Amino acid sequence: MPNRTLLQGFHWYYPEGGKLWPDIAARAEDLARLGLTDVWLPPAYKGASGGYSVGYDTYDLFDLGEFDQKGSVPTRYGDRAAFGAACAALRAQGLRVILDVVFNHKMGADETERVTVQRVDPENREAFLGEPFEATTYTRFTFPGRAGKYSEFVWDARCFTGVDRIEDPSEDALVKILNDYGAGEWNDEVDDELGNYDFLMGADVEFRNRAVYEELKYWGRWIAEQVPVDGFRLDAAKHIPAWFFRDWVGHLRETVNPELFVVAEYWKPDTGALSAYLDLVDAQLTLFDVGLHMTFHEASQAGKDFDMRQIFAGSLVAQMPDKAVTFVENHDTQPLQSLEASVEPWFKPLAYALILMREEGVPCVFWADLFGASYRDTGGDGEEYAIEMPAIDCLPDLLRARARFAHGAQTDLFDDPNCLAIVRHGTAEAPGSVTVLTNGDAAEKWVDLGPERAGARFCDFLGKHEGEVVLDEAGQGAFPVPPGAVSVWVPVEAL
C-alpha cells in the first residue's frame, strides 16, 4: 500500500469565480504522480456570502452550486457539475476524496423570528446575565431558491443554542436561545475554554434537537450519493458535542463506507485534551496535530537556537501516532488569518521532511506550500497587506521521496541540537533512505546500515548536495547536509 499522504486542496484566498474545481480536475494526474493519495476539498455547499464564500459561513448544505441563492448559482469554487467532475477526476487517478464538513453554525438566515433569549458573558459562557427577554433573531432558514429539493427541512430557533446578533433591541451580543433543549444550558462534551465553548459564531446548531441530529445524518448519506466520498474533515470539533460526532461518524461508516477516513479539527495544542476527546468519540477518528504545528512555528522563529531534539515534544504524533494528522501550514494559520502562526519559508523544507519521511502520522500538505499563493487582505491593525507565499521548491521531490523511499523500519538519530537524521531501512519490496536536516550550519550524520550494505552508494534525491556517499566495509558512512537545509539520501541503484 502507498504511504497515505493528504493534500489540503485549497487555501483561504484561492481566487473566486469558479476556478478551483476545474483546477483540481486538471491537476489530478500530476497530484497522483507526486505520490499524494487523498485530496481534502473545501466546503462545497453554499455559504452566506454566496459566490464569494470560502465555505465556512454555512448556509445550505444541500446547495452544491445548483440553485440561485445568496446572489449566485455557483459557489466560490464552481457549480455542481464542476464539483462532480473534480471528484470524478481525482477518483480516476486513484486519489481519495475528503470532504469538508461545517456543522457547528449557520449564517444568512432567510427570515427572522421572535424568541426568548438571555445574555451570556462571552468570557464565561456559564454566567448568564440579567433576566430573559424577547428579541428578534436571524434563525429561520427556508432555502427558497432550492424550494424543498433534496430536503424539506426548515431550520428555526429550536435548531440553535444561541446567536451573536439580535434585533429589537438591536445589539451585537452573545445570547442563549431559551428553547426546549438543555434547560437553557449549552451543550456538554465541548471544550471548556471560556467555561463552555459550545458557541463559536453565527447561529450555533442545537445538536440535542433530534430532528437536527437526524437531518445531519441524512445529509451525510445524501452527499455520499452525489459524489465519491472517501472521508471527511470535521470543522470546529471542539465546539460540537463529542457524542454527536461519535454517532455521526459511526452512522456514516455503517451506511456509506466502513473504511471512511475522518480527521477532526480540534484546535488545541494540549495533547491531553486531544486524548480526552478521542476517548469521548471512541477513537473513531484522527486529529490534526496542532501542537506539532505550533512547535514548527516556534522553531522557524528561533532559527539555530531551537533544540531540534525537542521538535516532537508534546506532539500528538509522538504520543498517539495512529491518531495524528501532521501538518506544517493550513488555511487558518496562513498570514492574515484568524489562527495565524506561519512557519517561516526557510524552515518549511525541514518541517515537511519531518512529517513526510517518518513512519508515524498521516502528513497533510498545504496547497499554498505546493503551488504558492499571492493575495491581499486587511490585517488586525486595519492596514492592507500584500502577501506572497512562495512554493517550497523541494516539496514535490519530498513527496516523491516519501512515495518511493520512506519504507521499512525507522531509526531516529536525534542526538544533536541542530542536526537530525531519519533512517528508513527499506523492505524486500521497496528501498529506504537517510534523511538529514539541520537548522544550523552545514553538518553530517554518521549512519550505520550494517555490513550487508557495505559499498552501497547513495545520492541526494533533493539535489541539495553534490556527490555520493559510499558506505565502508562495515556499512557505515557520513551523510552531509548543507546549512539550514534537508538532504534525502537514497540508494543509487533504486533510481
Protein backbone atom coordinates (compact mmCIF):
# COMPACT_ATOMS: atom_id res chain seq x y z
CA MET A 1 0.00 0.00 0.00
CA PRO A 2 1.32 3.51 -0.79
CA ASN A 3 2.11 5.81 2.13
CA ARG A 4 -1.03 7.80 2.84
CA THR A 5 -0.42 11.46 2.06
CA LEU A 6 -3.12 14.11 2.19
CA LEU A 7 -3.27 17.37 0.23
CA GLN A 8 -5.30 20.30 1.50
CA GLY A 9 -6.58 21.20 -1.95
CA PHE A 10 -7.14 24.94 -1.41
CA HIS A 11 -6.10 27.93 0.68
CA TRP A 12 -8.21 30.71 2.21
CA TYR A 13 -7.53 33.18 -0.57
CA TYR A 14 -7.87 30.87 -3.54
CA PRO A 15 -9.41 33.10 -6.26
CA GLU A 16 -13.19 33.22 -6.61
CA GLY A 17 -15.00 32.77 -9.91
CA GLY A 18 -15.40 29.02 -10.13
CA LYS A 19 -11.74 28.27 -10.82
CA LEU A 20 -10.90 25.66 -8.17
CA TRP A 21 -12.98 22.68 -9.29
CA PRO A 22 -11.61 22.79 -12.88
CA ASP A 23 -8.11 23.39 -11.47
CA ILE A 24 -8.38 20.30 -9.24
CA ALA A 25 -9.61 18.20 -12.16
CA ALA A 26 -6.79 19.40 -14.42
CA ARG A 27 -4.14 18.68 -11.77
CA ALA A 28 -5.44 15.26 -10.70
CA GLU A 29 -2.95 13.23 -12.75
CA ASP A 30 0.00 15.31 -11.57
CA LEU A 31 -1.10 15.06 -7.96
CA ALA A 32 -1.18 11.29 -8.19
CA ARG A 33 2.27 11.25 -9.78
CA LEU A 34 3.64 13.21 -6.83
CA GLY A 35 2.60 10.37 -4.54
CA LEU A 36 -0.41 12.06 -2.98
CA THR A 37 -3.20 9.66 -2.06
CA ASP A 38 -6.02 11.86 -0.68
CA VAL A 39 -7.29 15.36 -1.51
CA TRP A 40 -9.20 17.39 1.08
CA LEU A 41 -11.64 19.67 -0.74
CA PRO A 42 -13.07 22.88 0.76
CA PRO A 43 -16.75 23.15 1.74
CA ALA A 44 -18.64 22.51 -1.48
CA TYR A 45 -22.00 23.94 -0.44
CA LYS A 46 -23.44 27.44 -0.48
CA GLY A 47 -22.22 29.88 2.13
CA ALA A 48 -23.99 33.01 3.33
CA SER A 49 -21.81 35.20 1.11
CA GLY A 50 -22.69 33.18 -1.98
CA GLY A 51 -20.10 33.13 -4.74
CA TYR A 52 -17.58 34.93 -2.51
CA SER A 53 -17.82 32.47 0.39
CA VAL A 54 -14.77 30.40 1.33
CA GLY A 55 -17.35 27.97 2.70
CA TYR A 56 -17.18 28.24 6.48
CA ASP A 57 -20.24 30.52 6.76
CA THR A 58 -22.58 27.61 6.08
CA TYR A 59 -25.95 28.49 4.60
CA ASP A 60 -27.36 25.50 2.69
CA LEU A 61 -25.68 22.09 2.91
CA PHE A 62 -27.77 20.80 0.01
CA ASP A 63 -26.81 23.52 -2.48
CA LEU A 64 -23.62 22.32 -4.19
CA GLY A 65 -23.67 25.20 -6.65
CA GLU A 66 -27.01 24.30 -8.19
CA PHE A 67 -29.51 26.92 -7.02
CA ASP A 68 -29.76 30.69 -7.27
CA GLN A 69 -29.24 31.54 -3.62
CA LYS A 70 -27.30 34.30 -1.89
CA GLY A 71 -26.75 36.08 -5.19
CA SER A 72 -25.13 33.23 -7.06
CA VAL A 73 -25.74 29.80 -8.52
CA PRO A 74 -22.12 28.55 -8.34
CA THR A 75 -20.16 28.58 -5.11
CA ARG A 76 -16.79 30.31 -4.98
CA TYR A 77 -15.23 27.16 -6.41
CA GLY A 78 -17.68 26.40 -9.23
CA ASP A 79 -21.06 24.85 -9.95
CA ARG A 80 -22.38 21.42 -9.06
CA ALA A 81 -21.33 19.84 -12.37
CA ALA A 82 -17.75 21.10 -11.98
CA PHE A 83 -17.65 19.81 -8.39
CA GLY A 84 -18.75 16.37 -9.53
CA ALA A 85 -16.21 16.43 -12.36
CA ALA A 86 -13.39 17.31 -9.95
CA CYS A 87 -14.30 14.44 -7.63
CA ALA A 88 -14.54 12.04 -10.57
CA ALA A 89 -11.17 13.19 -11.93
CA LEU A 90 -9.50 12.55 -8.57
CA ARG A 91 -11.03 9.10 -8.28
CA ALA A 92 -9.97 8.27 -11.86
CA GLN A 93 -6.36 8.81 -10.78
CA GLY A 94 -6.75 6.64 -7.68
CA LEU A 95 -6.97 9.63 -5.35
CA ARG A 96 -9.39 9.55 -2.44
CA VAL A 97 -11.87 12.41 -1.94
CA ILE A 98 -12.06 14.01 1.51
CA LEU A 99 -14.94 16.47 2.01
CA ASP A 100 -15.01 19.37 4.47
CA VAL A 101 -17.96 19.33 6.88
CA VAL A 102 -19.00 22.55 8.68
CA PHE A 103 -21.86 21.69 11.04
CA ASN A 104 -21.21 23.97 14.01
CA HIS A 105 -23.04 27.06 12.84
CA LYS A 106 -25.24 28.52 10.11
CA MET A 107 -25.37 32.05 8.68
CA GLY A 108 -27.52 34.03 6.27
CA ALA A 109 -30.98 33.16 7.61
CA ASP A 110 -33.88 33.81 5.25
CA GLU A 111 -36.31 35.06 7.89
CA THR A 112 -36.34 36.38 11.45
CA GLU A 113 -38.21 35.05 14.49
CA ARG A 114 -39.32 36.47 17.81
CA VAL A 115 -37.76 34.35 20.56
CA THR A 116 -36.85 34.41 24.24
CA VAL A 117 -33.14 34.88 24.91
CA GLN A 118 -30.77 35.61 27.77
CA ARG A 119 -27.46 37.44 27.61
CA VAL A 120 -24.30 35.49 28.34
CA ASP A 121 -20.89 36.68 29.49
CA PRO A 122 -18.70 35.97 26.40
CA GLU A 123 -15.68 35.42 28.67
CA ASN A 124 -17.56 32.92 30.84
CA ARG A 125 -20.38 31.24 28.99
CA GLU A 126 -21.56 29.61 32.21
CA ALA A 127 -22.54 33.06 33.50
CA PHE A 128 -25.98 34.22 32.36
CA LEU A 129 -26.60 37.96 32.67
CA GLY A 130 -29.85 39.63 33.66
CA GLU A 131 -33.31 38.25 33.04
CA PRO A 132 -34.61 36.52 29.89
CA PHE A 133 -36.22 38.85 27.35
CA GLU A 134 -37.74 38.75 23.89
CA ALA A 135 -35.72 39.64 20.80
CA THR A 136 -35.76 39.13 17.07
CA THR A 137 -33.18 36.66 15.75
CA TYR A 138 -31.98 35.59 12.31
CA THR A 139 -32.72 31.91 12.81
CA ARG A 140 -35.22 30.77 10.18
CA PHE A 141 -33.70 29.05 7.14
CA THR A 142 -36.23 28.08 4.44
CA PHE A 143 -33.92 27.99 1.38
CA PRO A 144 -36.46 29.45 -1.06
CA GLY A 145 -34.11 29.08 -4.02
CA ARG A 146 -33.96 25.32 -3.52
CA ALA A 147 -37.72 25.03 -2.87
CA GLY A 148 -37.54 21.80 -0.90
CA LYS A 149 -35.46 19.79 -3.39
CA TYR A 150 -33.36 17.10 -1.66
CA SER A 151 -34.67 18.13 1.79
CA GLU A 152 -37.77 19.94 3.05
CA PHE A 153 -36.28 20.54 6.47
CA VAL A 154 -36.75 24.11 7.77
CA TRP A 155 -34.32 25.36 10.39
CA ASP A 156 -35.78 27.63 13.07
CA ALA A 157 -34.91 28.86 16.56
CA ARG A 158 -35.47 25.38 18.00
CA CYS A 159 -32.47 24.25 15.93
CA PHE A 160 -29.99 26.65 17.56
CA THR A 161 -28.46 27.17 21.00
CA GLY A 162 -27.56 30.84 20.64
CA VAL A 163 -26.68 33.72 18.34
CA ASP A 164 -24.30 36.69 18.42
CA ARG A 165 -26.66 39.26 16.91
CA ILE A 166 -30.20 40.28 17.84
CA GLU A 167 -32.70 42.93 16.69
CA ASP A 168 -35.39 44.81 18.56
CA PRO A 169 -33.39 45.53 20.67
CA SER A 170 -30.59 45.87 18.12
CA GLU A 171 -27.38 44.56 19.62
CA ASP A 172 -24.23 42.56 18.91
CA ALA A 173 -24.30 40.28 21.92
CA LEU A 174 -23.90 36.63 22.78
CA VAL A 175 -27.33 35.38 23.80
CA LYS A 176 -28.62 31.94 24.69
CA ILE A 177 -31.84 30.97 22.94
CA LEU A 178 -34.24 29.57 25.52
CA ASN A 179 -35.99 26.69 23.81
CA ASP A 180 -36.92 23.12 24.68
CA TYR A 181 -33.38 21.73 24.81
CA GLY A 182 -30.86 21.56 27.62
CA ALA A 183 -32.92 23.54 30.14
CA GLY A 184 -31.24 26.73 29.00
CA GLU A 185 -27.75 25.24 29.17
CA TRP A 186 -25.14 24.89 26.45
CA ASN A 187 -24.21 21.50 25.02
CA ASP A 188 -21.93 19.23 27.02
CA GLU A 189 -18.83 17.35 25.78
CA VAL A 190 -17.39 20.51 24.22
CA ASP A 191 -14.16 22.31 25.06
CA ASP A 192 -14.10 24.04 28.45
CA GLU A 193 -12.37 27.20 27.26
CA LEU A 194 -14.38 30.27 28.30
CA GLY A 195 -16.33 27.99 30.62
CA ASN A 196 -18.11 26.23 27.78
CA TYR A 197 -17.02 26.67 24.16
CA ASP A 198 -20.21 25.38 22.52
CA PHE A 199 -20.81 28.75 20.83
CA LEU A 200 -18.36 29.92 18.16
CA MET A 201 -20.22 32.20 15.74
CA GLY A 202 -23.44 32.85 13.83
CA ALA A 203 -26.42 30.72 14.73
CA ASP A 204 -24.96 27.85 16.78
CA VAL A 205 -26.52 24.48 15.96
CA GLU A 206 -28.52 22.66 18.64
CA PHE A 207 -27.49 19.02 18.28
CA ARG A 208 -29.80 17.90 21.10
CA ASN A 209 -32.75 18.57 18.80
CA ARG A 210 -33.47 15.09 17.44
CA ALA A 211 -34.74 16.48 14.15
CA VAL A 212 -31.43 18.30 13.62
CA TYR A 213 -29.49 15.19 14.62
CA GLU A 214 -31.34 13.08 12.02
CA GLU A 215 -31.15 15.76 9.30
CA LEU A 216 -27.36 15.92 9.55
CA LYS A 217 -27.10 12.13 9.38
CA TYR A 218 -29.35 12.20 6.33
CA TRP A 219 -27.12 14.84 4.73
CA GLY A 220 -24.10 12.58 5.23
CA ARG A 221 -25.83 9.75 3.39
CA TRP A 222 -27.07 12.15 0.71
CA ILE A 223 -23.71 13.73 -0.09
CA ALA A 224 -22.18 10.28 -0.50
CA GLU A 225 -24.81 9.55 -3.17
CA GLN A 226 -23.95 12.73 -5.08
CA VAL A 227 -20.15 12.43 -5.37
CA PRO A 228 -17.44 9.91 -4.47
CA VAL A 229 -16.68 10.21 -0.76
CA ASP A 230 -13.72 8.52 0.94
CA GLY A 231 -13.64 10.60 4.09
CA PHE A 232 -14.40 13.82 5.89
CA ARG A 233 -12.60 16.70 7.55
CA LEU A 234 -14.71 17.88 10.51
CA ASP A 235 -14.58 21.61 11.20
CA ALA A 236 -14.60 23.22 14.67
CA ALA A 237 -14.83 19.93 16.55
CA LYS A 238 -14.13 21.42 19.98
CA HIS A 239 -17.35 23.46 19.68
CA ILE A 240 -19.53 20.45 18.81
CA PRO A 241 -20.54 17.81 21.36
CA ALA A 242 -18.31 14.77 21.07
CA TRP A 243 -21.28 12.45 21.37
CA PHE A 244 -22.70 13.86 18.14
CA PHE A 245 -19.59 13.15 16.05
CA ARG A 246 -19.22 9.76 17.72
CA ASP A 247 -22.71 8.88 16.48
CA TRP A 248 -22.40 10.64 13.12
CA VAL A 249 -19.12 9.02 12.13
CA GLY A 250 -20.36 5.62 13.28
CA HIS A 251 -23.55 6.03 11.27
CA LEU A 252 -21.68 7.01 8.09
CA ARG A 253 -19.29 4.09 8.48
CA GLU A 254 -22.30 1.77 8.75
CA THR A 255 -24.26 3.24 5.85
CA VAL A 256 -21.65 4.63 3.43
CA ASN A 257 -18.22 3.05 3.83
CA PRO A 258 -16.66 1.25 6.82
CA GLU A 259 -13.21 2.50 5.72
CA LEU A 260 -14.04 6.23 5.77
CA PHE A 261 -11.05 8.36 6.75
CA VAL A 262 -12.11 11.07 9.21
CA VAL A 263 -9.96 13.86 10.64
CA ALA A 264 -11.31 16.46 13.03
CA GLU A 265 -10.05 19.98 13.63
CA TYR A 266 -9.84 20.22 17.42
CA TRP A 267 -7.72 23.35 17.65
CA LYS A 268 -5.76 22.83 20.83
CA PRO A 269 -2.04 22.11 21.26
CA ASP A 270 -2.63 20.28 24.54
CA THR A 271 -2.22 16.58 23.77
CA GLY A 272 -4.02 15.67 26.98
CA ALA A 273 -7.15 17.46 25.76
CA LEU A 274 -6.89 15.73 22.37
CA SER A 275 -6.52 12.33 24.04
CA ALA A 276 -9.58 13.00 26.21
CA TYR A 277 -11.59 13.97 23.13
CA LEU A 278 -10.55 10.79 21.33
CA ASP A 279 -11.84 8.80 24.30
CA LEU A 280 -15.21 10.58 24.04
CA VAL A 281 -15.56 9.74 20.34
CA ASP A 282 -14.47 6.13 20.88
CA ALA A 283 -11.27 6.80 18.92
CA GLN A 284 -13.25 6.69 15.66
CA LEU A 285 -11.30 9.49 14.02
CA THR A 286 -7.93 11.22 13.75
CA LEU A 287 -6.99 14.73 14.80
CA PHE A 288 -4.76 17.44 13.39
CA ASP A 289 -1.55 17.71 15.41
CA VAL A 290 -1.89 21.35 16.43
CA GLY A 291 0.91 21.12 18.98
CA LEU A 292 3.43 20.00 16.37
CA HIS A 293 2.42 22.86 14.06
CA MET A 294 2.97 25.35 16.87
CA THR A 295 6.39 23.85 17.55
CA PHE A 296 7.28 24.21 13.86
CA HIS A 297 6.22 27.87 14.06
CA GLU A 298 8.37 28.46 17.14
CA ALA A 299 11.35 26.59 15.68
CA SER A 300 11.19 28.64 12.50
CA GLN A 301 11.26 31.83 14.56
CA ALA A 302 14.14 30.71 16.77
CA GLY A 303 16.49 29.56 14.00
CA LYS A 304 19.56 27.60 15.09
CA ASP A 305 18.82 28.42 18.74
CA PHE A 306 15.95 25.91 18.72
CA ASP A 307 16.92 22.48 20.09
CA MET A 308 15.81 20.15 17.31
CA ARG A 309 15.91 17.17 19.67
CA GLN A 310 12.69 18.59 21.17
CA ILE A 311 10.84 19.00 17.85
CA PHE A 312 8.27 16.29 18.65
CA ALA A 313 8.00 17.01 22.39
CA GLY A 314 4.37 17.17 23.46
CA SER A 315 3.05 16.38 20.00
CA LEU A 316 0.11 14.11 19.27
CA VAL A 317 2.14 12.14 16.73
CA ALA A 318 4.70 11.29 19.43
CA GLN A 319 2.07 10.05 21.85
CA MET A 320 -0.72 8.68 19.63
CA PRO A 321 0.85 8.26 16.17
CA ASP A 322 -2.07 6.33 14.69
CA LYS A 323 -4.46 9.20 15.55
CA ALA A 324 -2.36 12.12 14.28
CA VAL A 325 -2.62 14.07 11.05
CA THR A 326 0.51 16.19 10.87
CA PHE A 327 0.74 19.48 9.00
CA VAL A 328 3.03 22.46 8.52
CA GLU A 329 0.51 25.15 7.48
CA ASN A 330 -3.19 25.41 6.70
CA HIS A 331 -5.87 27.91 5.67
CA ASP A 332 -6.34 29.16 9.24
CA THR A 333 -2.64 29.65 10.04
CA GLN A 334 -1.56 31.33 6.80
CA PRO A 335 -0.73 35.07 7.01
CA LEU A 336 -3.67 37.38 7.90
CA GLN A 337 -5.91 34.53 9.01
CA SER A 338 -7.60 34.00 12.39
CA LEU A 339 -5.08 31.50 13.78
CA GLU A 340 -2.04 32.98 12.05
CA ALA A 341 1.10 31.20 13.21
CA SER A 342 3.00 30.84 9.98
CA VAL A 343 6.08 28.69 9.64
CA GLU A 344 8.91 30.69 8.08
CA PRO A 345 9.66 29.59 4.50
CA TRP A 346 13.29 28.64 5.28
CA PHE A 347 12.11 26.07 7.85
CA LYS A 348 9.29 24.53 5.82
CA PRO A 349 11.53 22.03 3.97
CA LEU A 350 12.75 20.77 7.37
CA ALA A 351 9.21 20.57 8.75
CA TYR A 352 7.90 18.76 5.68
CA ALA A 353 10.81 16.30 5.79
CA LEU A 354 9.93 15.55 9.41
CA ILE A 355 6.32 14.68 8.61
CA LEU A 356 6.83 13.08 5.17
CA MET A 357 9.85 10.85 5.70
CA ARG A 358 8.92 9.35 9.06
CA GLU A 359 6.55 6.44 9.57
CA GLU A 360 4.27 7.96 12.18
CA GLY A 361 1.18 10.02 11.42
CA VAL A 362 -0.64 10.92 8.23
CA PRO A 363 1.00 14.04 6.73
CA CYS A 364 -1.09 16.81 5.18
CA VAL A 365 0.49 19.11 2.57
CA PHE A 366 -0.85 22.66 2.12
CA TRP A 367 -1.84 23.87 -1.35
CA ALA A 368 -0.04 27.21 -0.96
CA ASP A 369 3.19 25.45 0.01
CA LEU A 370 3.00 23.22 -3.05
CA PHE A 371 1.85 25.79 -5.62
CA GLY A 372 2.43 29.17 -3.96
CA ALA A 373 -0.12 31.91 -3.25
CA SER A 374 -0.41 35.68 -3.72
CA TYR A 375 -3.16 37.76 -2.14
CA ARG A 376 -4.07 41.00 -0.39
CA ASP A 377 -6.12 41.45 2.76
CA THR A 378 -6.54 43.69 5.78
CA GLY A 379 -4.69 42.76 8.92
CA GLY A 380 -5.84 43.07 12.50
CA ASP A 381 -4.29 46.54 12.64
CA GLY A 382 -6.56 47.78 9.86
CA GLU A 383 -3.73 48.06 7.34
CA GLU A 384 -3.82 46.29 3.97
CA TYR A 385 -1.03 43.85 3.19
CA ALA A 386 0.17 42.14 0.03
CA ILE A 387 1.18 38.58 0.86
CA GLU A 388 3.44 36.30 -1.15
CA MET A 389 3.61 32.68 -0.05
CA PRO A 390 6.31 31.07 -2.17
CA ALA A 391 6.01 27.48 -3.29
CA ILE A 392 8.51 25.34 -1.39
CA ASP A 393 10.86 24.32 -4.19
CA CYS A 394 11.84 20.93 -2.80
CA LEU A 395 8.32 19.91 -1.73
CA PRO A 396 7.45 17.99 -4.94
CA ASP A 397 10.64 15.98 -4.58
CA LEU A 398 9.96 15.38 -0.89
CA LEU A 399 6.56 13.99 -1.87
CA ARG A 400 8.15 11.74 -4.48
CA ALA A 401 10.75 10.68 -1.93
CA ARG A 402 8.02 9.71 0.55
CA ALA A 403 6.28 7.59 -2.07
CA ARG A 404 9.46 5.87 -3.27
CA PHE A 405 11.85 5.75 -0.31
CA ALA A 406 10.01 6.19 3.02
CA HIS A 407 9.70 2.46 3.67
CA GLY A 408 10.64 -0.06 6.28
CA ALA A 409 11.75 0.14 9.90
CA GLN A 410 12.76 3.55 11.20
CA THR A 411 15.70 4.76 13.26
CA ASP A 412 15.68 8.34 14.52
CA LEU A 413 19.09 9.88 15.18
CA PHE A 414 18.03 12.80 17.34
CA ASP A 415 21.28 13.24 19.27
CA ASP A 416 22.30 16.75 18.24
CA PRO A 417 20.56 20.07 18.99
CA ASN A 418 20.81 21.20 15.37
CA CYS A 419 21.21 18.15 13.12
CA LEU A 420 18.78 15.22 12.95
CA ALA A 421 18.60 12.11 10.80
CA ILE A 422 15.73 9.79 9.94
CA VAL A 423 16.79 6.38 8.67
CA ARG A 424 14.24 4.22 6.85
CA HIS A 425 15.71 0.75 6.37
CA GLY A 426 13.54 -0.31 3.44
CA THR A 427 11.78 -3.61 2.81
CA ALA A 428 12.25 -6.52 0.44
CA GLU A 429 9.95 -4.73 -2.00
CA ALA A 430 10.81 -1.05 -1.51
CA PRO A 431 14.03 0.89 -0.80
CA GLY A 432 14.73 3.03 2.22
CA SER A 433 16.50 6.36 2.71
CA VAL A 434 18.56 8.53 5.05
CA THR A 435 17.08 11.99 5.61
CA VAL A 436 19.41 14.52 7.22
CA LEU A 437 18.34 18.03 8.21
CA THR A 438 19.82 20.92 10.11
CA ASN A 439 18.59 24.27 11.38
CA GLY A 440 22.18 25.46 11.76
CA ASP A 441 25.49 25.18 9.95
CA ALA A 442 26.42 22.53 7.41
CA ALA A 443 26.61 19.17 9.16
CA GLU A 444 26.81 15.44 8.64
CA LYS A 445 25.40 12.38 10.34
CA TRP A 446 27.31 9.14 10.81
CA VAL A 447 24.92 6.29 10.00
CA ASP A 448 25.41 2.55 10.44
CA LEU A 449 23.35 0.50 7.97
CA GLY A 450 25.12 -2.81 8.68
CA PRO A 451 27.80 -4.80 6.87
CA GLU A 452 25.30 -6.19 4.39
CA ARG A 453 25.17 -2.68 2.87
CA ALA A 454 28.96 -2.38 2.52
CA GLY A 455 29.88 -0.44 -0.61
CA ALA A 456 26.32 0.85 -1.16
CA ARG A 457 26.19 4.21 -2.92
CA PHE A 458 23.77 6.99 -2.05
CA CYS A 459 22.90 10.33 -3.69
CA ASP A 460 20.83 13.29 -2.51
CA PHE A 461 17.41 12.93 -4.10
CA LEU A 462 16.72 16.63 -3.46
CA GLY A 463 19.90 17.69 -5.23
CA LYS A 464 20.99 19.86 -2.30
CA HIS A 465 24.35 18.12 -2.01
CA GLU A 466 26.57 17.07 -4.89
CA GLY A 467 28.48 13.83 -4.99
CA GLU A 468 27.76 10.45 -3.45
CA VAL A 469 28.10 8.76 -0.10
CA VAL A 470 29.73 5.31 -0.32
CA LEU A 471 29.43 3.07 2.73
CA ASP A 472 32.57 1.47 4.11
CA GLU A 473 33.15 -2.26 4.67
CA ALA A 474 31.12 -2.09 7.88
CA GLY A 475 28.16 -0.46 6.10
CA GLN A 476 28.78 2.92 7.69
CA GLY A 477 29.05 6.38 6.22
CA ALA A 478 28.82 10.13 6.87
CA PHE A 479 25.75 11.71 5.27
CA PRO A 480 26.12 15.50 4.84
CA VAL A 481 23.57 18.29 4.66
CA PRO A 482 24.02 21.97 3.67
CA PRO A 483 23.29 24.73 6.23
CA GLY A 484 19.64 25.22 7.14
CA ALA A 485 18.53 22.54 4.69
CA VAL A 486 17.43 18.96 4.09
CA SER A 487 19.10 16.17 2.12
CA VAL A 488 17.34 12.88 1.37
CA TRP A 489 19.98 10.26 0.58
CA VAL A 490 18.67 7.33 -1.44
CA PRO A 491 20.32 4.22 -2.93
CA VAL A 492 21.73 4.98 -6.36
CA GLU A 493 20.61 1.59 -7.65
CA ALA A 494 16.98 2.41 -6.75
CA LEU A 495 16.81 5.43 -9.06
